[in-house]
Amino acid sequence: MGIDISGVSGAAIATAVSAEKTRRWQEENREAIDSSNDYVRRNGLPLAKYRLF
């Protein structure tokens, strides 16, 4: 079939590692993310009046 098993498996591993790094970062920073989102919900975006769109 002409499938490069090594290339496909390497790409799949890289994707899985990237997803796990993202998940861990989000978990480690959940408190800061939630705090920031809460601030924006209560007060809006800090520089919203300067947005051109």
PDB file of N, CA and C in Angstrom:
ATOM      1  N   MET A   1       0.824  -1.195   0.000  1.00  0.00           N
ATOM      2  CA  MET A   1       0.000   0.000   0.000  1.00  0.00           C
ATOM      3  C   MET A   1       0.864   1.254   0.000  1.00  0.00           C
ATOM      4  N   GLY A   2       2.138   1.127   0.259  1.00  0.00           N
ATOM      5  CA  GLY A   2       3.012   2.287   0.201  1.00  0.00           C
ATOM      6  C   GLY A   2       2.898   3.212   1.401  1.00  0.00           C
ATOM      7  N   ILE A   3       2.475   2.685   2.533  1.00  0.00           N
ATOM      8  CA  ILE A   3       2.325   3.514   3.737  1.00  0.00           C
ATOM      9  C   ILE A   3       3.645   3.517   4.499  1.00  0.00           C
ATOM     10  N   ASP A   4       4.099   4.688   4.855  1.00  0.00           N
ATOM     11  CA  ASP A   4       5.315   4.830   5.654  1.00  0.00           C
ATOM     12  C   ASP A   4       4.944   4.696   7.130  1.00  0.00           C
ATOM     13  N   ILE A   5       5.006   3.472   7.630  1.00  0.00           N
ATOM     14  CA  ILE A   5       4.585   3.188   8.999  1.00  0.00           C
ATOM     15  C   ILE A   5       5.384   4.009   9.999  1.00  0.00           C
ATOM     16  N   SER A   6       6.674   4.134   9.792  1.00  0.00           N
ATOM     17  CA  SER A   6       7.519   4.902  10.702  1.00  0.00           C
ATOM     18  C   SER A   6       7.107   6.368  10.720  1.00  0.00           C
ATOM     19  N   GLY A   7       6.853   6.922   9.560  1.00  0.00           N
ATOM     20  CA  GLY A   7       6.437   8.323   9.476  1.00  0.00           C
ATOM     21  C   GLY A   7       5.072   8.556  10.101  1.00  0.00           C
ATOM     22  N   VAL A   8       4.147   7.654   9.825  1.00  0.00           N
ATOM     23  CA  VAL A   8       2.798   7.780  10.374  1.00  0.00           C
ATOM     24  C   VAL A   8       2.826   7.652  11.886  1.00  0.00           C
ATOM     25  N   SER A   9       3.566   6.660  12.390  1.00  0.00           N
ATOM     26  CA  SER A   9       3.620   6.480  13.846  1.00  0.00           C
ATOM     27  C   SER A   9       4.348   7.641  14.511  1.00  0.00           C
ATOM     28  N   GLY A  10       5.393   8.147  13.887  1.00  0.00           N
ATOM     29  CA  GLY A  10       6.099   9.306  14.443  1.00  0.00           C
ATOM     30  C   GLY A  10       5.206  10.531  14.516  1.00  0.00           C
ATOM     31  N   ALA A  11       4.423  10.759  13.492  1.00  0.00           N
ATOM     32  CA  ALA A  11       3.493  11.902  13.480  1.00  0.00           C
ATOM     33  C   ALA A  11       2.414  11.723  14.546  1.00  0.00           C
ATOM     34  N   ALA A  12       1.916  10.498  14.700  1.00  0.00           N
ATOM     35  CA  ALA A  12       0.888  10.236  15.707  1.00  0.00           C
ATOM     36  C   ALA A  12       1.436  10.448  17.112  1.00  0.00           C
ATOM     37  N   ILE A  13       2.656  10.002  17.343  1.00  0.00           N
ATOM     38  CA  ILE A  13       3.277  10.206  18.661  1.00  0.00           C
ATOM     39  C   ILE A  13       3.483  11.685  18.922  1.00  0.00           C
ATOM     40  N   ALA A  14       3.953  12.429  17.934  1.00  0.00           N
ATOM     41  CA  ALA A  14       4.161  13.877  18.099  1.00  0.00           C
ATOM     42  C   ALA A  14       2.845  14.582  18.413  1.00  0.00           C
ATOM     43  N   THR A  15       1.775  14.182  17.752  1.00  0.00           N
ATOM     44  CA  THR A  15       0.461  14.765  18.012  1.00  0.00           C
ATOM     45  C   THR A  15       0.000  14.459  19.429  1.00  0.00           C
ATOM     46  N   ALA A  16       0.192  13.214  19.864  1.00  0.00           N
ATOM     47  CA  ALA A  16      -0.216  12.816  21.212  1.00  0.00           C
ATOM     48  C   ALA A  16       0.590  13.552  22.271  1.00  0.00           C
ATOM     49  N   VAL A  17       1.896  13.711  22.054  1.00  0.00           N
ATOM     50  CA  VAL A  17       2.750  14.427  23.010  1.00  0.00           C
ATOM     51  C   VAL A  17       2.320  15.887  23.093  1.00  0.00           C
ATOM     52  N   SER A  18       2.050  16.502  21.961  1.00  0.00           N
ATOM     53  CA  SER A  18       1.613  17.897  21.939  1.00  0.00           C
ATOM     54  C   SER A  18       0.289  18.071  22.676  1.00  0.00           C
ATOM     55  N   ALA A  19      -0.652  17.169  22.450  1.00  0.00           N
ATOM     56  CA  ALA A  19      -1.946  17.246  23.127  1.00  0.00           C
ATOM     57  C   ALA A  19      -1.784  17.094  24.635  1.00  0.00           C
ATOM     58  N   GLU A  20      -0.917  16.189  25.059  1.00  0.00           N
ATOM     59  CA  GLU A  20      -0.703  15.981  26.498  1.00  0.00           C
ATOM     60  C   GLU A  20      -0.015  17.187  27.129  1.00  0.00           C
ATOM     61  N   LYS A  21       0.945  17.779  26.436  1.00  0.00           N
ATOM     62  CA  LYS A  21       1.595  18.994  26.956  1.00  0.00           C
ATOM     63  C   LYS A  21       0.572  20.112  27.117  1.00  0.00           C
ATOM     64  N   THR A  22      -0.314  20.269  26.137  1.00  0.00           N
ATOM     65  CA  THR A  22      -1.357  21.288  26.206  1.00  0.00           C
ATOM     66  C   THR A  22      -2.283  21.025  27.388  1.00  0.00           C
ATOM     67  N   ARG A  23      -2.703  19.770  27.550  1.00  0.00           N
ATOM     68  CA  ARG A  23      -3.594  19.408  28.650  1.00  0.00           C
ATOM     69  C   ARG A  23      -2.949  19.694  30.001  1.00  0.00           C
ATOM     70  N   ARG A  24      -1.680  19.341  30.141  1.00  0.00           N
ATOM     71  CA  ARG A  24      -0.978  19.581  31.404  1.00  0.00           C
ATOM     72  C   ARG A  24      -0.826  21.064  31.682  1.00  0.00           C
ATOM     73  N   TRP A  25      -0.493  21.858  30.651  1.00  0.00           N
ATOM     74  CA  TRP A  25      -0.337  23.304  30.835  1.00  0.00           C
ATOM     75  C   TRP A  25      -1.660  23.913  31.288  1.00  0.00           C
ATOM     76  N   GLN A  26      -2.748  23.500  30.636  1.00  0.00           N
ATOM     77  CA  GLN A  26      -4.050  24.024  31.010  1.00  0.00           C
ATOM     78  C   GLN A  26      -4.412  23.637  32.442  1.00  0.00           C
ATOM     79  N   GLU A  27      -4.087  22.414  32.814  1.00  0.00           N
ATOM     80  CA  GLU A  27      -4.361  21.956  34.177  1.00  0.00           C
ATOM     81  C   GLU A  27      -3.542  22.750  35.198  1.00  0.00           C
ATOM     82  N   GLU A  28      -2.269  22.945  34.911  1.00  0.00           N
ATOM     83  CA  GLU A  28      -1.386  23.669  35.820  1.00  0.00           C
ATOM     84  C   GLU A  28      -1.764  25.141  35.945  1.00  0.00           C
ATOM     85  N   ASN A  29      -2.371  25.694  34.922  1.00  0.00           N
ATOM     86  CA  ASN A  29      -2.701  27.119  34.899  1.00  0.00           C
ATOM     87  C   ASN A  29      -4.192  27.390  35.002  1.00  0.00           C
ATOM     88  N   ARG A  30      -4.970  26.376  35.377  1.00  0.00           N
ATOM     89  CA  ARG A  30      -6.429  26.496  35.453  1.00  0.00           C
ATOM     90  C   ARG A  30      -6.865  27.664  36.336  1.00  0.00           C
ATOM     91  N   GLU A  31      -6.250  27.825  37.493  1.00  0.00           N
ATOM     92  CA  GLU A  31      -6.654  28.887  38.417  1.00  0.00           C
ATOM     93  C   GLU A  31      -6.473  30.271  37.786  1.00  0.00           C
ATOM     94  N   ALA A  32      -5.339  30.497  37.136  1.00  0.00           N
ATOM     95  CA  ALA A  32      -5.080  31.790  36.497  1.00  0.00           C
ATOM     96  C   ALA A  32      -6.026  32.019  35.319  1.00  0.00           C
ATOM     97  N   ILE A  33      -6.274  30.983  34.538  1.00  0.00           N
ATOM     98  CA  ILE A  33      -7.185  31.100  33.399  1.00  0.00           C
ATOM     99  C   ILE A  33      -8.588  31.438  33.878  1.00  0.00           C
ATOM    100  N   ASP A  34      -9.058  30.708  34.895  1.00  0.00           N
ATOM    101  CA  ASP A  34     -10.395  30.975  35.436  1.00  0.00           C
ATOM    102  C   ASP A  34     -10.501  32.384  36.009  1.00  0.00           C
ATOM    103  N   SER A  35      -9.446  32.832  36.687  1.00  0.00           N
ATOM    104  CA  SER A  35      -9.443  34.173  37.263  1.00  0.00           C
ATOM    105  C   SER A  35      -9.512  35.236  36.167  1.00  0.00           C
ATOM    106  N   SER A  36      -8.737  35.044  35.128  1.00  0.00           N
ATOM    107  CA  SER A  36      -8.739  35.988  34.018  1.00  0.00           C
ATOM    108  C   SER A  36     -10.096  36.012  33.319  1.00  0.00           C
ATOM    109  N   ASN A  37     -10.665  34.836  33.083  1.00  0.00           N
ATOM    110  CA  ASN A  37     -11.985  34.770  32.446  1.00  0.00           C
ATOM    111  C   ASN A  37     -13.047  35.432  33.318  1.00  0.00           C
ATOM    112  N   ASP A  38     -12.959  35.239  34.621  1.00  0.00           N
ATOM    113  CA  ASP A  38     -13.916  35.852  35.535  1.00  0.00           C
ATOM    114  C   ASP A  38     -13.802  37.379  35.487  1.00  0.00           C
ATOM    115  N   TYR A  39     -12.580  37.895  35.457  1.00  0.00           N
ATOM    116  CA  TYR A  39     -12.362  39.340  35.373  1.00  0.00           C
ATOM    117  C   TYR A  39     -13.012  39.902  34.110  1.00  0.00           C
ATOM    118  N   VAL A  40     -12.781  39.231  32.979  1.00  0.00           N
ATOM    119  CA  VAL A  40     -13.338  39.710  31.712  1.00  0.00           C
ATOM    120  C   VAL A  40     -14.859  39.631  31.730  1.00  0.00           C
ATOM    121  N   ARG A  41     -15.427  38.586  32.324  1.00  0.00           N
ATOM    122  CA  ARG A  41     -16.892  38.485  32.428  1.00  0.00           C
ATOM    123  C   ARG A  41     -17.461  39.642  33.247  1.00  0.00           C
ATOM    124  N   ARG A  42     -16.769  40.004  34.329  1.00  0.00           N
ATOM    125  CA  ARG A  42     -17.271  41.071  35.202  1.00  0.00           C
ATOM    126  C   ARG A  42     -17.000  42.462  34.650  1.00  0.00           C
ATOM    127  N   ASN A  43     -15.848  42.660  34.014  1.00  0.00           N
ATOM    128  CA  ASN A  43     -15.411  44.009  33.639  1.00  0.00           C
ATOM    129  C   ASN A  43     -15.256  44.253  32.140  1.00  0.00           C
ATOM    130  N   GLY A  44     -15.361  43.228  31.342  1.00  0.00           N
ATOM    131  CA  GLY A  44     -15.111  43.372  29.912  1.00  0.00           C
ATOM    132  C   GLY A  44     -13.618  43.337  29.626  1.00  0.00           C
ATOM    133  N   LEU A  45     -13.278  43.426  28.367  1.00  0.00           N
ATOM    134  CA  LEU A  45     -11.868  43.416  27.985  1.00  0.00           C
ATOM    135  C   LEU A  45     -11.206  44.720  28.416  1.00  0.00           C
ATOM    136  N   PRO A  46     -10.014  44.641  28.994  1.00  0.00           N
ATOM    137  CA  PRO A  46      -9.362  45.841  29.528  1.00  0.00           C
ATOM    138  C   PRO A  46      -9.166  46.967  28.506  1.00  0.00           C
ATOM    139  N   LEU A  47      -8.846  46.661  27.275  1.00  0.00           N
ATOM    140  CA  LEU A  47      -8.582  47.700  26.275  1.00  0.00           C
ATOM    141  C   LEU A  47      -9.636  47.718  25.173  1.00  0.00           C
ATOM    142  N   ALA A  48     -10.849  47.272  25.484  1.00  0.00           N
ATOM    143  CA  ALA A  48     -11.911  47.146  24.477  1.00  0.00           C
ATOM    144  C   ALA A  48     -12.205  48.476  23.780  1.00  0.00           C
ATOM    145  N   LYS A  49     -12.077  49.581  24.492  1.00  0.00           N
ATOM    146  CA  LYS A  49     -12.416  50.873  23.867  1.00  0.00           C
ATOM    147  C   LYS A  49     -11.439  51.255  22.768  1.00  0.00           C
ATOM    148  N   TYR A  50     -10.291  50.607  22.708  1.00  0.00           N
ATOM    149  CA  TYR A  50      -9.290  50.914  21.672  1.00  0.00           C
ATOM    150  C   TYR A  50      -9.357  49.959  20.494  1.00  0.00           C
ATOM    151  N   ARG A  51     -10.237  48.962  20.568  1.00  0.00           N
ATOM    152  CA  ARG A  51     -10.357  48.006  19.460  1.00  0.00           C
ATOM    153  C   ARG A  51     -10.967  48.688  18.252  1.00  0.00           C
ATOM    154  N   LEU A  52     -10.472  48.340  17.084  1.00  0.00           N
ATOM    155  CA  LEU A  52     -10.981  48.924  15.849  1.00  0.00           C
ATOM    156  C   LEU A  52     -11.999  48.029  15.162  1.00  0.00           C
ATOM    157  N   PHE A  53     -12.306  46.884  15.749  1.00  0.00           N
ATOM    158  CA  PHE A  53     -13.267  45.964  15.128  1.00  0.00           C
ATOM    159  C   PHE A  53     -14.298  45.540  16.132  1.00  0.00           C
TER     160      PHE A  53
END
